[in-house]
Protein backbone atom coordinates (compact mmCIF):
# COMPACT_ATOMS: atom_id res chain seq x y z
CA MET A 1 -89.53 -14.61 -35.96
CA GLN A 2 -87.27 -12.19 -34.14
CA ALA A 3 -83.65 -12.35 -33.07
CA PRO A 4 -81.85 -10.36 -30.37
CA ALA A 5 -79.72 -7.50 -31.62
CA GLY A 6 -76.21 -8.77 -32.24
CA SER A 7 -77.29 -12.38 -32.60
CA ALA A 8 -75.94 -14.37 -35.54
CA LEU A 9 -79.59 -14.77 -36.52
CA ASP A 10 -80.17 -11.01 -36.63
CA ASP A 11 -80.04 -11.03 -40.41
CA PRO A 12 -82.93 -10.78 -42.92
CA HIS A 13 -81.83 -13.95 -44.74
CA ALA A 14 -81.77 -15.92 -41.48
CA ILE A 15 -85.11 -14.50 -40.34
CA ALA A 16 -86.68 -15.32 -43.71
CA ALA A 17 -85.33 -18.87 -43.56
CA MET A 18 -86.76 -19.37 -40.07
CA ALA A 19 -90.09 -17.92 -41.19
CA ARG A 20 -90.22 -20.33 -44.13
CA ALA A 21 -89.34 -23.22 -41.83
CA ALA A 22 -92.13 -22.14 -39.48
CA GLN A 23 -94.57 -22.10 -42.39
CA ASP A 24 -93.40 -25.53 -43.50
CA GLY A 25 -93.91 -26.77 -39.95
CA GLY A 26 -97.54 -25.64 -39.91
CA ALA A 27 -97.49 -22.05 -38.66
CA CYS A 28 -100.56 -20.19 -39.91
CA ALA A 29 -98.81 -16.79 -39.75
CA VAL A 30 -95.47 -15.29 -38.76
CA ARG A 31 -94.74 -12.22 -36.65
CA ILE A 32 -91.80 -10.21 -37.99
CA GLN A 33 -89.97 -7.11 -36.73
CA GLY A 34 -88.21 -4.53 -38.89
CA VAL A 35 -88.51 -3.35 -42.48
CA ALA A 36 -85.62 -5.39 -43.94
CA ASN A 37 -86.83 -8.55 -42.24
CA LEU A 38 -90.41 -7.95 -43.35
CA ARG A 39 -89.42 -7.58 -46.98
CA ALA A 40 -87.22 -10.68 -46.89
CA VAL A 41 -89.92 -12.76 -45.21
CA ARG A 42 -92.71 -11.52 -47.49
CA ALA A 43 -90.72 -12.85 -50.45
CA ARG A 44 -90.39 -16.34 -48.92
CA VAL A 45 -93.70 -17.17 -47.25
CA GLY A 46 -97.29 -17.43 -48.33
CA VAL A 47 -98.89 -17.23 -44.88
CA PRO A 48 -100.03 -13.88 -43.48
CA VAL A 49 -97.31 -11.68 -42.01
CA ILE A 50 -97.82 -9.80 -38.76
CA GLY A 51 -95.52 -6.81 -39.03
CA LEU A 52 -94.14 -4.45 -36.43
CA ILE A 53 -91.27 -2.06 -35.97
CA LYS A 54 -89.58 -1.68 -32.60
CA CYS A 55 -88.52 1.91 -32.20
CA ALA A 56 -87.66 3.55 -28.88
CA TYR A 57 -88.35 7.24 -28.43
CA GLU A 58 -86.72 9.07 -25.55
CA GLY A 59 -89.19 9.83 -22.79
CA TYR A 60 -91.83 7.36 -24.00
CA ALA A 61 -92.48 3.77 -22.98
CA PRO A 62 -94.25 2.41 -26.11
CA TYR A 63 -91.85 1.02 -28.69
CA ILE A 64 -93.90 -1.43 -30.77
CA THR A 65 -94.98 0.47 -33.90
CA PRO A 66 -95.53 3.52 -31.70
CA THR A 67 -96.22 6.19 -34.34
CA LEU A 68 -97.96 6.55 -37.69
CA ASP A 69 -94.56 6.63 -39.38
CA GLU A 70 -93.85 3.06 -38.27
CA VAL A 71 -97.39 2.02 -39.24
CA ARG A 72 -96.81 3.27 -42.79
CA ALA A 73 -93.42 1.55 -42.98
CA VAL A 74 -94.88 -1.79 -41.90
CA ILE A 75 -97.66 -1.51 -44.47
CA GLU A 76 -95.22 -0.59 -47.24
CA SER A 77 -93.17 -3.68 -46.34
CA GLY A 78 -96.05 -5.97 -47.29
CA ALA A 79 -97.48 -7.08 -43.95
CA GLU A 80 -101.18 -7.93 -43.92
CA ILE A 81 -101.45 -7.40 -40.18
CA VAL A 82 -99.94 -4.48 -38.27
CA ALA A 83 -99.11 -4.99 -34.59
CA PHE A 84 -98.89 -1.92 -32.38
CA ASP A 85 -98.69 -0.93 -28.71
CA ALA A 86 -102.30 -0.54 -27.60
CA THR A 87 -101.64 0.42 -23.99
CA GLY A 88 -102.98 3.65 -22.57
CA ARG A 89 -99.47 5.05 -22.15
CA ALA A 90 -98.53 8.29 -23.85
CA ARG A 91 -96.99 7.61 -27.24
CA PRO A 92 -94.57 9.74 -29.23
CA ARG A 93 -96.05 12.31 -31.62
CA GLY A 94 -99.38 12.00 -29.86
CA ALA A 95 -101.24 9.51 -32.07
CA SER A 96 -104.06 7.79 -30.21
CA VAL A 97 -104.92 4.11 -30.42
CA ALA A 98 -107.98 5.07 -32.50
CA GLU A 99 -105.85 7.06 -34.94
CA ILE A 100 -103.41 4.18 -35.37
CA VAL A 101 -106.25 1.72 -35.93
CA ASP A 102 -107.88 4.05 -38.47
CA ALA A 103 -104.60 4.45 -40.37
CA ILE A 104 -104.19 0.67 -40.60
CA LEU A 105 -107.78 0.05 -41.68
CA ALA A 106 -107.58 2.84 -44.27
CA GLU A 107 -104.89 0.83 -46.08
CA GLY A 108 -106.93 -2.37 -46.02
CA ARG A 109 -104.75 -4.02 -43.38
CA ILE A 110 -105.71 -5.64 -40.09
CA PRO A 111 -104.86 -3.94 -36.77
CA MET A 112 -103.41 -6.19 -34.05
CA ALA A 113 -103.54 -4.55 -30.64
CA ASP A 114 -100.66 -5.55 -28.37
CA CYS A 115 -102.22 -5.13 -24.94
CA ALA A 116 -101.03 -5.26 -21.35
CA THR A 117 -104.42 -5.41 -19.67
CA ALA A 118 -108.00 -6.30 -20.47
CA GLU A 119 -108.80 -2.60 -20.24
CA ASP A 120 -106.35 -1.92 -23.06
CA ALA A 121 -108.13 -4.54 -25.12
CA VAL A 122 -111.57 -3.09 -24.45
CA CYS A 123 -110.40 0.32 -25.66
CA ALA A 124 -108.64 -1.13 -28.70
CA ARG A 125 -111.69 -3.16 -29.65
CA ALA A 126 -113.89 -0.06 -29.33
CA ALA A 127 -111.47 1.72 -31.67
CA GLY A 128 -111.88 -1.03 -34.26
CA ALA A 129 -108.94 -3.37 -33.66
CA GLU A 130 -109.79 -6.79 -35.06
CA ILE A 131 -107.08 -8.76 -33.25
CA LEU A 132 -106.39 -8.50 -29.52
CA ALA A 133 -103.20 -9.93 -28.04
CA THR A 134 -101.73 -10.36 -24.56
CA THR A 135 -98.28 -9.34 -25.87
CA LEU A 136 -97.44 -6.68 -23.29
CA CYS A 137 -98.93 -8.30 -20.20
CA GLY A 138 -96.07 -8.71 -17.74
CA TYR A 139 -93.92 -6.14 -19.54
CA THR A 140 -95.35 -2.86 -18.24
CA GLU A 141 -95.00 -1.30 -14.80
CA GLU A 142 -98.65 -2.04 -14.12
CA THR A 143 -98.38 -5.73 -14.99
CA LYS A 144 -94.90 -6.68 -13.79
CA GLY A 145 -94.83 -10.01 -12.00
CA ILE A 146 -97.91 -11.49 -13.65
CA SER A 147 -97.40 -15.16 -14.43
CA LEU A 148 -97.07 -15.89 -18.13
CA PRO A 149 -98.64 -16.96 -20.36
CA ALA A 150 -101.43 -14.62 -19.27
CA LEU A 151 -104.25 -17.13 -19.38
CA ALA A 152 -106.59 -15.11 -17.17
CA MET A 153 -106.26 -12.21 -19.59
CA VAL A 154 -106.86 -14.54 -22.53
CA ARG A 155 -110.19 -15.50 -20.97
CA GLU A 156 -111.15 -11.84 -20.66
CA LEU A 157 -110.13 -11.02 -24.23
CA ALA A 158 -112.05 -14.00 -25.58
CA GLU A 159 -115.24 -12.31 -24.39
CA LEU A 160 -114.70 -9.21 -26.53
CA ASP A 161 -115.88 -10.55 -29.90
CA ALA A 162 -112.48 -10.25 -31.58
CA PHE A 163 -109.74 -12.63 -32.71
CA THR A 164 -107.78 -13.39 -29.53
CA ILE A 165 -104.06 -14.15 -29.50
CA CYS A 166 -102.04 -15.39 -26.55
CA GLU A 167 -98.50 -14.05 -26.77
CA GLY A 168 -95.76 -13.81 -24.19
CA GLY A 169 -94.20 -16.54 -22.09
CA VAL A 170 -95.39 -19.40 -24.30
CA ALA A 171 -92.63 -21.93 -23.70
CA SER A 172 -94.09 -25.34 -24.54
CA PRO A 173 -96.78 -27.20 -26.48
CA GLN A 174 -98.60 -27.54 -23.17
CA ASP A 175 -98.73 -23.72 -22.90
CA CYS A 176 -100.25 -23.60 -26.38
CA LEU A 177 -102.94 -26.09 -25.41
CA ALA A 178 -103.68 -24.18 -22.19
CA ALA A 179 -104.02 -20.93 -24.15
CA ARG A 180 -106.42 -22.51 -26.61
CA GLU A 181 -108.46 -23.97 -23.77
CA ALA A 182 -108.60 -20.50 -22.21
CA GLY A 183 -110.14 -19.14 -25.39
CA ALA A 184 -107.25 -18.05 -27.60
CA ASP A 185 -107.89 -18.30 -31.34
CA ALA A 186 -104.15 -18.44 -31.97
CA VAL A 187 -100.87 -18.53 -30.07
CA VAL A 188 -97.61 -16.72 -30.81
CA VAL A 189 -94.49 -18.69 -29.91
CA GLY A 190 -91.35 -16.57 -29.84
CA THR A 191 -88.14 -17.20 -27.91
CA ALA A 192 -89.01 -20.85 -27.32
CA LEU A 193 -88.46 -21.37 -31.06
CA THR A 194 -86.06 -18.62 -32.09
CA GLY A 195 -83.88 -18.25 -29.00
CA ILE A 196 -81.26 -20.69 -30.21
CA GLU A 197 -78.45 -19.21 -28.12
CA SER A 198 -80.53 -19.55 -24.98
CA ARG A 199 -81.56 -23.09 -25.81
CA VAL A 200 -77.96 -24.11 -26.48
CA ARG A 201 -76.92 -22.62 -23.13
CA ASP A 202 -79.57 -24.79 -21.48
CA PHE A 203 -77.53 -27.77 -22.68
CA THR A 204 -74.01 -26.44 -22.37
CA GLY A 205 -74.43 -24.82 -18.96
CA PRO A 206 -74.77 -28.04 -16.97
CA LEU A 207 -71.92 -29.61 -18.95
CA GLU A 208 -69.62 -26.70 -18.17
CA LYS A 209 -70.20 -27.31 -14.48
CA VAL A 210 -69.35 -30.98 -14.87
CA ASP A 211 -66.24 -30.21 -16.93
CA SER A 212 -64.95 -27.41 -14.69
CA PRO A 213 -61.70 -28.21 -12.81
CA LYS A 214 -62.17 -29.67 -9.38
CA ASP A 215 -60.43 -28.00 -6.45
């Protein structure tokens, strides 16, 4: 459950309400960004919370829980699972994937490696990550243009003896079924559920063209 910055839904109470609605609709976990949102959601749901903090550091590409500071903040906010950038890109303050995984495990939480490639996943699994996700496939320079959802990557991750999550570009129930058939243990659905502004524009856009003055 995430909302674009500036959206009317970018509010902990709104995020918590959506998370509870997702739980009531059958979601087995919710993925939440930001300390305030994590605390609000933790108070309203009983399903596991996947926590992350998006924080951009000048000169560095990773922004999903990129340092040990964000890892600690996510844990303190009550998340059972900590999602982090598991790509091989340099990260601020120099923490390695292995160090981030160790810090999460040391607090009794579960590391979720947000990967861009199967190679990222192999390294994260070797470091001890228990959950491998396709989150960053299509969103790095190396993977730009890859068709999403990244089903080919899901198949590769499913061979690594870890819990596999398909995330990114999941736009329909049919995508969810395809991901499961490819070997995903779970599927994260994001904008397709929470992007209300975008969904409304899908309806209003065509109507605006019909209603526009004729020359």
